[in-house]
N, C-alpha and C. Protein backbone atom coordinates (compact mmCIF):
# COMPACT_ATOMS: atom_id res chain seq x y z
N MET A 1 -3.31 17.41 -35.09
CA MET A 1 -2.13 16.66 -34.71
C MET A 1 -1.82 16.85 -33.22
N LEU A 2 -1.84 18.10 -32.75
CA LEU A 2 -1.57 18.39 -31.35
C LEU A 2 -2.60 17.70 -30.46
N ARG A 3 -3.86 17.70 -30.89
CA ARG A 3 -4.92 17.07 -30.11
C ARG A 3 -4.64 15.57 -29.95
N ARG A 4 -4.21 14.93 -31.02
CA ARG A 4 -3.91 13.50 -30.98
C ARG A 4 -2.78 13.22 -29.98
N HIS A 5 -1.72 14.03 -30.02
CA HIS A 5 -0.60 13.84 -29.08
C HIS A 5 -1.07 14.06 -27.64
N PHE A 6 -1.93 15.04 -27.43
CA PHE A 6 -2.45 15.33 -26.10
C PHE A 6 -3.28 14.15 -25.60
N GLN A 7 -4.10 13.55 -26.47
CA GLN A 7 -4.90 12.39 -26.08
C GLN A 7 -3.99 11.21 -25.72
N LEU A 8 -2.94 10.99 -26.49
CA LEU A 8 -1.99 9.92 -26.19
C LEU A 8 -1.32 10.17 -24.84
N PHE A 9 -0.94 11.43 -24.59
CA PHE A 9 -0.32 11.81 -23.32
C PHE A 9 -1.25 11.49 -22.16
N LEU A 10 -2.53 11.84 -22.30
CA LEU A 10 -3.48 11.58 -21.23
C LEU A 10 -3.65 10.09 -20.97
N ARG A 11 -3.65 9.30 -22.01
CA ARG A 11 -3.80 7.85 -21.82
C ARG A 11 -2.57 7.27 -21.13
N ARG A 12 -1.41 7.80 -21.42
CA ARG A 12 -0.17 7.25 -20.85
C ARG A 12 0.10 7.75 -19.45
N THR A 13 -0.38 8.93 -19.11
CA THR A 13 -0.05 9.50 -17.80
C THR A 13 -1.31 9.93 -17.07
N PRO A 14 -2.11 8.98 -16.59
CA PRO A 14 -3.31 9.36 -15.86
C PRO A 14 -2.93 10.04 -14.55
N LEU A 15 -3.70 11.00 -14.14
CA LEU A 15 -3.45 11.70 -12.89
C LEU A 15 -4.59 11.43 -11.93
N TRP A 16 -4.27 11.34 -10.68
CA TRP A 16 -5.27 11.27 -9.64
C TRP A 16 -5.25 12.64 -8.98
N LEU A 17 -6.37 13.30 -8.93
CA LEU A 17 -6.39 14.64 -8.37
C LEU A 17 -6.81 14.59 -6.91
N ALA A 18 -6.09 15.32 -6.08
CA ALA A 18 -6.45 15.43 -4.68
C ALA A 18 -7.71 16.28 -4.57
N ASP A 19 -8.33 16.26 -3.40
CA ASP A 19 -9.57 17.01 -3.21
C ASP A 19 -9.40 18.50 -3.49
N ASP A 20 -8.22 19.03 -3.27
CA ASP A 20 -8.01 20.46 -3.49
C ASP A 20 -7.70 20.77 -4.96
N GLY A 21 -7.73 19.75 -5.82
CA GLY A 21 -7.53 19.96 -7.25
C GLY A 21 -6.08 19.89 -7.69
N SER A 22 -5.16 19.74 -6.76
CA SER A 22 -3.75 19.68 -7.16
C SER A 22 -3.40 18.25 -7.58
N SER A 23 -2.41 18.15 -8.40
CA SER A 23 -1.97 16.84 -8.89
C SER A 23 -1.26 16.10 -7.77
N LEU A 24 -1.63 14.84 -7.55
CA LEU A 24 -1.04 14.06 -6.48
C LEU A 24 -0.22 12.89 -7.02
N PHE A 25 -0.78 12.14 -7.94
CA PHE A 25 -0.11 10.94 -8.44
C PHE A 25 1.10 11.31 -9.28
N GLU A 26 2.21 10.60 -9.03
CA GLU A 26 3.41 10.75 -9.85
C GLU A 26 3.76 9.39 -10.40
N ARG A 27 3.76 9.29 -11.71
CA ARG A 27 4.11 8.03 -12.37
C ARG A 27 5.59 7.75 -12.13
N TYR A 28 5.90 6.54 -11.70
CA TYR A 28 7.30 6.17 -11.48
C TYR A 28 7.87 5.69 -12.80
N THR A 29 8.85 6.40 -13.28
CA THR A 29 9.39 6.09 -14.60
C THR A 29 10.30 4.86 -14.55
N GLU A 30 10.38 4.20 -15.66
CA GLU A 30 11.30 3.07 -15.78
C GLU A 30 12.72 3.62 -15.70
N ILE A 31 13.59 2.90 -15.07
CA ILE A 31 14.99 3.32 -14.96
C ILE A 31 15.72 2.92 -16.23
N GLU A 32 16.37 3.90 -16.82
CA GLU A 32 17.12 3.64 -18.05
C GLU A 32 18.46 2.99 -17.72
N ASN A 33 18.95 2.24 -18.65
CA ASN A 33 20.31 1.70 -18.51
C ASN A 33 21.30 2.85 -18.62
N SER A 34 22.44 2.70 -17.98
CA SER A 34 23.44 3.75 -18.07
C SER A 34 24.15 3.67 -19.42
N ASN A 35 24.40 4.83 -19.98
CA ASN A 35 25.16 4.93 -21.22
C ASN A 35 25.96 6.22 -21.15
N GLU A 36 26.81 6.46 -22.12
CA GLU A 36 27.69 7.64 -22.08
C GLU A 36 26.89 8.94 -22.01
N ARG A 37 25.80 9.02 -22.75
CA ARG A 37 24.98 10.24 -22.75
C ARG A 37 24.37 10.49 -21.36
N ARG A 38 23.91 9.43 -20.73
CA ARG A 38 23.32 9.56 -19.39
C ARG A 38 24.39 9.95 -18.37
N MET A 39 25.57 9.37 -18.48
CA MET A 39 26.67 9.71 -17.57
C MET A 39 27.07 11.18 -17.74
N SER A 40 27.10 11.65 -18.97
CA SER A 40 27.44 13.05 -19.25
C SER A 40 26.39 13.98 -18.64
N ALA A 41 25.13 13.59 -18.72
CA ALA A 41 24.05 14.41 -18.14
C ALA A 41 24.19 14.48 -16.62
N LEU A 42 24.55 13.38 -15.97
CA LEU A 42 24.76 13.38 -14.52
C LEU A 42 25.94 14.26 -14.15
N LYS A 43 27.01 14.21 -14.93
CA LYS A 43 28.17 15.07 -14.68
C LYS A 43 27.79 16.53 -14.82
N ALA A 44 27.02 16.85 -15.86
CA ALA A 44 26.64 18.24 -16.15
C ALA A 44 25.80 18.85 -15.04
N CYS A 45 24.97 18.05 -14.38
CA CYS A 45 24.12 18.63 -13.32
C CYS A 45 24.73 18.43 -11.93
N GLY A 46 25.98 17.97 -11.86
CA GLY A 46 26.67 17.89 -10.59
C GLY A 46 26.33 16.69 -9.73
N MET A 47 25.68 15.68 -10.31
CA MET A 47 25.28 14.51 -9.52
C MET A 47 26.23 13.32 -9.69
N PHE A 48 27.23 13.47 -10.52
CA PHE A 48 28.10 12.34 -10.83
C PHE A 48 28.93 11.90 -9.62
N ASP A 49 29.34 12.84 -8.79
CA ASP A 49 30.19 12.51 -7.64
C ASP A 49 29.39 12.20 -6.38
N ASP A 50 28.05 12.27 -6.45
CA ASP A 50 27.21 11.92 -5.30
C ASP A 50 27.31 10.43 -5.02
N GLU A 51 26.97 10.05 -3.79
CA GLU A 51 26.93 8.64 -3.43
C GLU A 51 25.65 8.02 -3.98
N TRP A 52 25.77 6.90 -4.64
CA TRP A 52 24.63 6.18 -5.20
C TRP A 52 24.59 4.80 -4.58
N ILE A 53 23.40 4.30 -4.34
CA ILE A 53 23.24 2.95 -3.81
C ILE A 53 22.44 2.14 -4.82
N ALA A 54 23.00 1.04 -5.25
CA ALA A 54 22.32 0.17 -6.21
C ALA A 54 21.85 -1.08 -5.48
N THR A 55 20.66 -1.51 -5.81
CA THR A 55 20.12 -2.74 -5.23
C THR A 55 19.75 -3.70 -6.35
N GLU A 56 19.59 -4.94 -6.00
CA GLU A 56 19.23 -5.95 -6.99
C GLU A 56 17.81 -5.70 -7.48
N LYS A 57 17.57 -5.96 -8.74
CA LYS A 57 16.25 -5.81 -9.34
C LYS A 57 15.34 -6.91 -8.80
N VAL A 58 14.19 -6.51 -8.27
CA VAL A 58 13.17 -7.46 -7.84
C VAL A 58 12.08 -7.44 -8.90
N HIS A 59 11.72 -8.61 -9.40
CA HIS A 59 10.68 -8.70 -10.42
C HIS A 59 9.33 -8.76 -9.72
N GLY A 60 8.54 -7.72 -9.91
CA GLY A 60 7.24 -7.67 -9.27
C GLY A 60 6.36 -6.66 -9.95
N ALA A 61 5.51 -6.01 -9.17
CA ALA A 61 4.59 -5.00 -9.68
C ALA A 61 4.88 -3.68 -8.98
N ASN A 62 5.03 -2.61 -9.75
CA ASN A 62 5.29 -1.29 -9.19
C ASN A 62 4.17 -0.92 -8.23
N PHE A 63 4.55 -0.36 -7.06
CA PHE A 63 3.57 -0.07 -6.01
C PHE A 63 4.03 1.15 -5.23
N GLY A 64 3.11 2.05 -4.92
CA GLY A 64 3.43 3.25 -4.17
C GLY A 64 2.54 3.41 -2.96
N ILE A 65 3.09 4.01 -1.90
CA ILE A 65 2.35 4.28 -0.66
C ILE A 65 2.40 5.79 -0.44
N TYR A 66 1.23 6.43 -0.38
CA TYR A 66 1.13 7.88 -0.23
C TYR A 66 0.59 8.25 1.15
N SER A 67 1.27 9.18 1.81
CA SER A 67 0.78 9.78 3.05
C SER A 67 0.63 11.27 2.77
N ILE A 68 -0.60 11.78 2.93
CA ILE A 68 -0.88 13.19 2.65
C ILE A 68 -1.20 13.90 3.96
N GLU A 69 -0.56 15.04 4.18
CA GLU A 69 -0.76 15.80 5.41
C GLU A 69 -2.24 16.07 5.64
N GLY A 70 -2.71 15.84 6.86
CA GLY A 70 -4.09 16.12 7.22
C GLY A 70 -5.07 15.01 6.87
N GLU A 71 -4.62 13.99 6.17
CA GLU A 71 -5.50 12.86 5.83
C GLU A 71 -5.17 11.68 6.73
N LYS A 72 -6.21 11.03 7.23
CA LYS A 72 -5.99 9.86 8.07
C LYS A 72 -5.78 8.61 7.22
N THR A 73 -6.28 8.62 6.00
CA THR A 73 -6.20 7.46 5.12
C THR A 73 -4.91 7.49 4.31
N ILE A 74 -4.25 6.36 4.25
CA ILE A 74 -3.07 6.19 3.40
C ILE A 74 -3.59 5.76 2.03
N ARG A 75 -2.99 6.25 0.97
CA ARG A 75 -3.40 5.87 -0.39
C ARG A 75 -2.34 4.96 -1.00
N TYR A 76 -2.80 4.08 -1.89
CA TYR A 76 -1.92 3.11 -2.52
C TYR A 76 -2.04 3.22 -4.03
N ALA A 77 -0.91 3.04 -4.72
CA ALA A 77 -0.91 3.22 -6.18
C ALA A 77 -0.19 2.07 -6.87
N LYS A 78 -0.64 1.80 -8.09
CA LYS A 78 0.09 0.93 -8.99
C LYS A 78 0.73 1.84 -10.03
N ARG A 79 1.40 1.30 -11.02
CA ARG A 79 2.13 2.13 -11.98
C ARG A 79 1.25 3.16 -12.67
N SER A 80 -0.02 2.84 -12.90
CA SER A 80 -0.88 3.73 -13.69
C SER A 80 -1.67 4.74 -12.87
N GLY A 81 -1.70 4.63 -11.55
CA GLY A 81 -2.43 5.62 -10.78
C GLY A 81 -2.79 5.13 -9.38
N ILE A 82 -3.31 6.05 -8.59
CA ILE A 82 -3.75 5.71 -7.24
C ILE A 82 -5.02 4.87 -7.36
N MET A 83 -5.07 3.81 -6.57
CA MET A 83 -6.19 2.88 -6.65
C MET A 83 -7.28 3.24 -5.65
N PRO A 84 -8.53 2.98 -6.02
CA PRO A 84 -9.59 3.10 -5.01
C PRO A 84 -9.37 2.00 -3.96
N PRO A 85 -9.81 2.22 -2.73
CA PRO A 85 -9.57 1.23 -1.66
C PRO A 85 -10.18 -0.14 -1.95
N THR A 86 -11.13 -0.20 -2.87
CA THR A 86 -11.79 -1.47 -3.17
C THR A 86 -11.10 -2.27 -4.27
N GLU A 87 -10.05 -1.72 -4.87
CA GLU A 87 -9.38 -2.44 -5.96
C GLU A 87 -8.51 -3.57 -5.41
N HIS A 88 -8.68 -4.73 -6.01
CA HIS A 88 -7.90 -5.91 -5.60
C HIS A 88 -6.66 -5.98 -6.50
N PHE A 89 -5.52 -5.61 -5.96
CA PHE A 89 -4.26 -5.59 -6.72
C PHE A 89 -3.32 -6.61 -6.07
N PHE A 90 -3.39 -7.84 -6.51
CA PHE A 90 -2.58 -8.95 -6.01
C PHE A 90 -2.81 -9.25 -4.53
N GLY A 91 -3.78 -8.61 -3.89
CA GLY A 91 -4.04 -8.85 -2.48
C GLY A 91 -3.22 -7.96 -1.55
N TYR A 92 -2.82 -6.77 -2.04
CA TYR A 92 -1.99 -5.87 -1.22
C TYR A 92 -2.65 -5.53 0.11
N HIS A 93 -3.97 -5.66 0.20
CA HIS A 93 -4.68 -5.33 1.44
C HIS A 93 -4.14 -6.13 2.63
N MET A 94 -3.59 -7.31 2.36
CA MET A 94 -3.02 -8.13 3.42
C MET A 94 -1.83 -7.42 4.08
N LEU A 95 -1.16 -6.56 3.33
CA LEU A 95 0.04 -5.88 3.83
C LEU A 95 -0.27 -4.51 4.45
N VAL A 96 -1.51 -4.05 4.35
CA VAL A 96 -1.85 -2.68 4.76
C VAL A 96 -1.40 -2.33 6.18
N PRO A 97 -1.63 -3.16 7.21
CA PRO A 97 -1.16 -2.76 8.55
C PRO A 97 0.35 -2.49 8.59
N GLN A 98 1.13 -3.33 7.94
CA GLN A 98 2.59 -3.16 7.90
C GLN A 98 2.96 -1.92 7.07
N LEU A 99 2.30 -1.71 5.93
CA LEU A 99 2.60 -0.56 5.07
C LEU A 99 2.25 0.75 5.76
N GLN A 100 1.16 0.78 6.52
CA GLN A 100 0.79 1.99 7.26
C GLN A 100 1.87 2.33 8.29
N GLN A 101 2.40 1.31 8.91
CA GLN A 101 3.48 1.52 9.88
C GLN A 101 4.72 2.09 9.18
N TYR A 102 5.10 1.53 8.03
CA TYR A 102 6.26 2.02 7.27
C TYR A 102 6.12 3.49 6.92
N ILE A 103 4.98 3.87 6.35
CA ILE A 103 4.82 5.25 5.87
C ILE A 103 4.74 6.23 7.04
N THR A 104 4.13 5.81 8.15
CA THR A 104 4.03 6.68 9.33
C THR A 104 5.42 6.96 9.90
N VAL A 105 6.22 5.93 10.07
CA VAL A 105 7.57 6.09 10.60
C VAL A 105 8.44 6.89 9.63
N THR A 106 8.29 6.63 8.34
CA THR A 106 9.07 7.35 7.32
C THR A 106 8.74 8.84 7.35
N ARG A 107 7.44 9.17 7.44
CA ARG A 107 7.02 10.58 7.51
C ARG A 107 7.62 11.25 8.74
N GLU A 108 7.52 10.60 9.89
CA GLU A 108 8.06 11.16 11.13
C GLU A 108 9.57 11.39 11.03
N MET A 109 10.29 10.42 10.50
CA MET A 109 11.75 10.55 10.37
C MET A 109 12.13 11.68 9.42
N LEU A 110 11.43 11.79 8.29
CA LEU A 110 11.74 12.85 7.32
C LEU A 110 11.45 14.23 7.91
N CYS A 111 10.29 14.39 8.54
CA CYS A 111 9.93 15.68 9.14
C CYS A 111 10.94 16.07 10.21
N ASP A 112 11.35 15.09 11.01
CA ASP A 112 12.33 15.34 12.07
C ASP A 112 13.69 15.72 11.49
N LYS A 113 14.14 14.98 10.50
CA LYS A 113 15.45 15.22 9.88
C LYS A 113 15.49 16.56 9.14
N LEU A 114 14.41 16.86 8.40
CA LEU A 114 14.37 18.09 7.61
C LEU A 114 13.91 19.31 8.41
N GLN A 115 13.34 19.06 9.59
CA GLN A 115 12.77 20.13 10.41
C GLN A 115 11.74 20.93 9.63
N LYS A 116 10.88 20.20 8.88
CA LYS A 116 9.84 20.83 8.06
C LYS A 116 8.59 19.98 8.09
N LYS A 117 7.45 20.64 7.81
CA LYS A 117 6.22 19.89 7.60
C LYS A 117 6.19 19.46 6.15
N LEU A 118 5.73 18.27 5.91
CA LEU A 118 5.68 17.75 4.55
C LEU A 118 4.23 17.52 4.15
N HIS A 119 3.88 17.96 2.94
CA HIS A 119 2.52 17.75 2.44
C HIS A 119 2.32 16.29 2.04
N THR A 120 3.26 15.76 1.27
CA THR A 120 3.13 14.40 0.75
C THR A 120 4.43 13.63 0.95
N VAL A 121 4.30 12.40 1.40
CA VAL A 121 5.43 11.48 1.46
C VAL A 121 5.02 10.26 0.64
N LEU A 122 5.90 9.84 -0.26
CA LEU A 122 5.62 8.72 -1.15
C LEU A 122 6.76 7.71 -1.09
N ILE A 123 6.42 6.46 -0.81
CA ILE A 123 7.39 5.38 -0.87
C ILE A 123 7.05 4.55 -2.10
N ASN A 124 8.00 4.45 -3.02
CA ASN A 124 7.84 3.61 -4.21
C ASN A 124 8.59 2.31 -4.01
N GLY A 125 8.05 1.25 -4.57
CA GLY A 125 8.71 -0.04 -4.48
C GLY A 125 8.03 -1.08 -5.34
N GLU A 126 8.25 -2.34 -5.01
CA GLU A 126 7.69 -3.46 -5.76
C GLU A 126 6.91 -4.37 -4.82
N LEU A 127 5.73 -4.76 -5.26
CA LEU A 127 5.04 -5.90 -4.64
C LEU A 127 5.63 -7.13 -5.30
N PHE A 128 5.91 -8.15 -4.53
CA PHE A 128 6.45 -9.37 -5.13
C PHE A 128 6.05 -10.57 -4.30
N GLY A 129 6.20 -11.74 -4.87
CA GLY A 129 5.89 -12.97 -4.17
C GLY A 129 4.51 -13.49 -4.52
N GLY A 130 3.97 -14.29 -3.60
CA GLY A 130 2.66 -14.88 -3.81
C GLY A 130 2.71 -16.22 -4.51
N LYS A 131 3.92 -16.67 -4.85
CA LYS A 131 4.08 -17.97 -5.49
C LYS A 131 5.47 -18.51 -5.17
N TYR A 132 5.49 -19.75 -4.72
CA TYR A 132 6.76 -20.43 -4.49
C TYR A 132 6.49 -21.93 -4.53
N ASP A 133 6.65 -22.51 -5.70
CA ASP A 133 6.40 -23.93 -5.88
C ASP A 133 7.61 -24.72 -5.40
N HIS A 134 7.40 -25.49 -4.35
CA HIS A 134 8.48 -26.31 -3.80
C HIS A 134 7.85 -27.55 -3.16
N PRO A 135 8.45 -28.71 -3.35
CA PRO A 135 7.86 -29.94 -2.81
C PRO A 135 7.70 -29.95 -1.29
N SER A 136 8.53 -29.22 -0.57
CA SER A 136 8.43 -29.24 0.89
C SER A 136 7.38 -28.25 1.42
N LEU A 137 6.79 -27.44 0.54
CA LEU A 137 5.77 -26.48 0.97
C LEU A 137 4.40 -26.93 0.51
N GLN A 138 3.46 -26.91 1.45
CA GLN A 138 2.09 -27.25 1.11
C GLN A 138 1.46 -26.09 0.34
N LYS A 139 0.74 -26.41 -0.73
CA LYS A 139 0.08 -25.36 -1.51
C LYS A 139 -1.14 -24.87 -0.74
N THR A 140 -1.22 -23.57 -0.55
CA THR A 140 -2.35 -22.97 0.16
C THR A 140 -2.86 -21.79 -0.65
N ARG A 141 -4.12 -21.46 -0.43
CA ARG A 141 -4.71 -20.28 -1.05
C ARG A 141 -5.07 -19.32 0.08
N LYS A 142 -4.46 -18.16 0.07
CA LYS A 142 -4.73 -17.16 1.10
C LYS A 142 -5.74 -16.16 0.57
N THR A 143 -6.59 -15.69 1.46
CA THR A 143 -7.59 -14.70 1.07
C THR A 143 -7.51 -13.50 1.99
N VAL A 144 -8.02 -12.39 1.49
CA VAL A 144 -8.10 -11.15 2.25
C VAL A 144 -9.46 -10.53 1.94
N MET A 145 -10.04 -9.85 2.91
CA MET A 145 -11.33 -9.20 2.70
C MET A 145 -11.11 -7.85 2.02
N VAL A 146 -11.79 -7.65 0.89
CA VAL A 146 -11.73 -6.39 0.15
C VAL A 146 -13.17 -5.96 -0.10
N ALA A 147 -13.56 -4.83 0.46
CA ALA A 147 -14.92 -4.30 0.32
C ALA A 147 -15.96 -5.34 0.75
N GLY A 148 -15.65 -6.05 1.84
CA GLY A 148 -16.60 -7.02 2.38
C GLY A 148 -16.65 -8.36 1.67
N LYS A 149 -15.78 -8.57 0.70
CA LYS A 149 -15.76 -9.83 -0.05
C LYS A 149 -14.39 -10.50 0.09
N PRO A 150 -14.37 -11.82 0.27
CA PRO A 150 -13.07 -12.50 0.31
C PRO A 150 -12.45 -12.56 -1.08
N ARG A 151 -11.19 -12.15 -1.17
CA ARG A 151 -10.47 -12.18 -2.45
C ARG A 151 -9.19 -12.98 -2.26
N THR A 152 -8.87 -13.79 -3.23
CA THR A 152 -7.67 -14.63 -3.17
C THR A 152 -6.43 -13.82 -3.50
N ILE A 153 -5.38 -14.03 -2.69
CA ILE A 153 -4.09 -13.40 -2.97
C ILE A 153 -3.55 -14.05 -4.24
N SER A 154 -3.11 -13.24 -5.18
CA SER A 154 -2.59 -13.81 -6.43
C SER A 154 -1.09 -13.58 -6.54
N ALA A 155 -0.45 -14.47 -7.28
CA ALA A 155 0.99 -14.38 -7.49
C ALA A 155 1.30 -13.15 -8.33
N VAL A 156 2.29 -12.38 -7.91
CA VAL A 156 2.69 -11.21 -8.68
C VAL A 156 3.38 -11.67 -9.96
N GLN A 157 4.27 -12.62 -9.86
CA GLN A 157 4.91 -13.21 -11.04
C GLN A 157 4.39 -14.63 -11.18
N THR A 158 3.85 -14.95 -12.33
CA THR A 158 3.29 -16.29 -12.53
C THR A 158 4.24 -17.23 -13.26
N ASP A 159 5.34 -16.71 -13.76
CA ASP A 159 6.32 -17.55 -14.46
C ASP A 159 7.02 -18.49 -13.46
N SER A 160 7.74 -19.45 -14.00
CA SER A 160 8.47 -20.37 -13.12
C SER A 160 9.67 -19.67 -12.47
N PHE A 161 10.14 -18.58 -13.07
CA PHE A 161 11.22 -17.77 -12.48
C PHE A 161 10.83 -16.32 -12.58
N PRO A 162 11.04 -15.49 -11.61
CA PRO A 162 11.52 -15.81 -10.28
C PRO A 162 10.36 -16.16 -9.35
N GLN A 163 10.65 -16.96 -8.36
CA GLN A 163 9.69 -17.26 -7.31
C GLN A 163 10.38 -16.91 -5.99
N TYR A 164 9.94 -15.83 -5.37
CA TYR A 164 10.60 -15.34 -4.17
C TYR A 164 10.04 -15.93 -2.88
N SER A 165 8.71 -16.02 -2.81
CA SER A 165 8.08 -16.40 -1.55
C SER A 165 6.62 -16.77 -1.80
N PRO A 166 6.07 -17.68 -0.99
CA PRO A 166 4.65 -17.97 -1.13
C PRO A 166 3.79 -16.81 -0.61
N ASP A 167 4.39 -15.93 0.18
CA ASP A 167 3.68 -14.78 0.74
C ASP A 167 3.93 -13.54 -0.09
N LEU A 168 3.04 -12.58 0.04
CA LEU A 168 3.17 -11.31 -0.65
C LEU A 168 4.07 -10.39 0.18
N HIS A 169 4.96 -9.65 -0.49
CA HIS A 169 5.88 -8.75 0.20
C HIS A 169 5.96 -7.42 -0.54
N PHE A 170 6.47 -6.39 0.19
CA PHE A 170 6.73 -5.08 -0.41
C PHE A 170 8.20 -4.76 -0.21
N TYR A 171 8.86 -4.32 -1.29
CA TYR A 171 10.27 -3.96 -1.27
C TYR A 171 10.38 -2.50 -1.68
N ALA A 172 10.75 -1.63 -0.75
CA ALA A 172 10.87 -0.20 -1.03
C ALA A 172 12.19 0.10 -1.72
N PHE A 173 12.15 1.00 -2.73
CA PHE A 173 13.40 1.38 -3.37
C PHE A 173 13.53 2.88 -3.60
N ASP A 174 12.53 3.67 -3.27
CA ASP A 174 12.63 5.11 -3.48
C ASP A 174 11.67 5.84 -2.55
N ILE A 175 12.08 7.00 -2.07
CA ILE A 175 11.23 7.85 -1.23
C ILE A 175 11.24 9.25 -1.82
N LYS A 176 10.05 9.82 -1.97
CA LYS A 176 9.92 11.20 -2.44
C LYS A 176 9.07 11.96 -1.42
N TYR A 177 9.26 13.27 -1.38
CA TYR A 177 8.40 14.08 -0.52
C TYR A 177 8.16 15.43 -1.17
N LYS A 178 7.05 16.05 -0.76
CA LYS A 178 6.70 17.38 -1.22
C LYS A 178 6.43 18.22 0.02
N GLU A 179 7.09 19.38 0.10
CA GLU A 179 6.92 20.24 1.27
C GLU A 179 5.57 20.95 1.25
N THR A 180 5.13 21.35 2.44
CA THR A 180 3.86 22.07 2.57
C THR A 180 3.93 23.43 1.94
């Protein structure tokens, strides 16, 4: 019985291991709706009176940007794990120059503010867009080179609602860090 639960756990929470063998990937959990039990838990741990910022829900695909101390390469993740650089995930490669800039500036600001070296900085957010059907917009197919092959940018949401933009975008909603 324990073995079966362990196998289910492994399937649900895949880990990407860093070269030094330590766990790097952190699955971003779904946010629960607030209820009395959750509010009581926040009060009990002293977080109830903290300032909270709520933003509108963006319908897209969970996406993470990892910066690891001493590594020149930025890593990218979807909900289930860190992706190899050759994985085509909605065409996120088109955003890489901008995402590298975001994570670099974020790392610098955090290190400066905390006056500490950080091992890992992670920005979690949503990829969204890639589809916007409107009569005044010409339909185009955008491509990006992935592992030497042209790949078409795909719509993150294929339903008729929501349609945010014909272009792919990243919306950050959480930042985590791990000290050295």
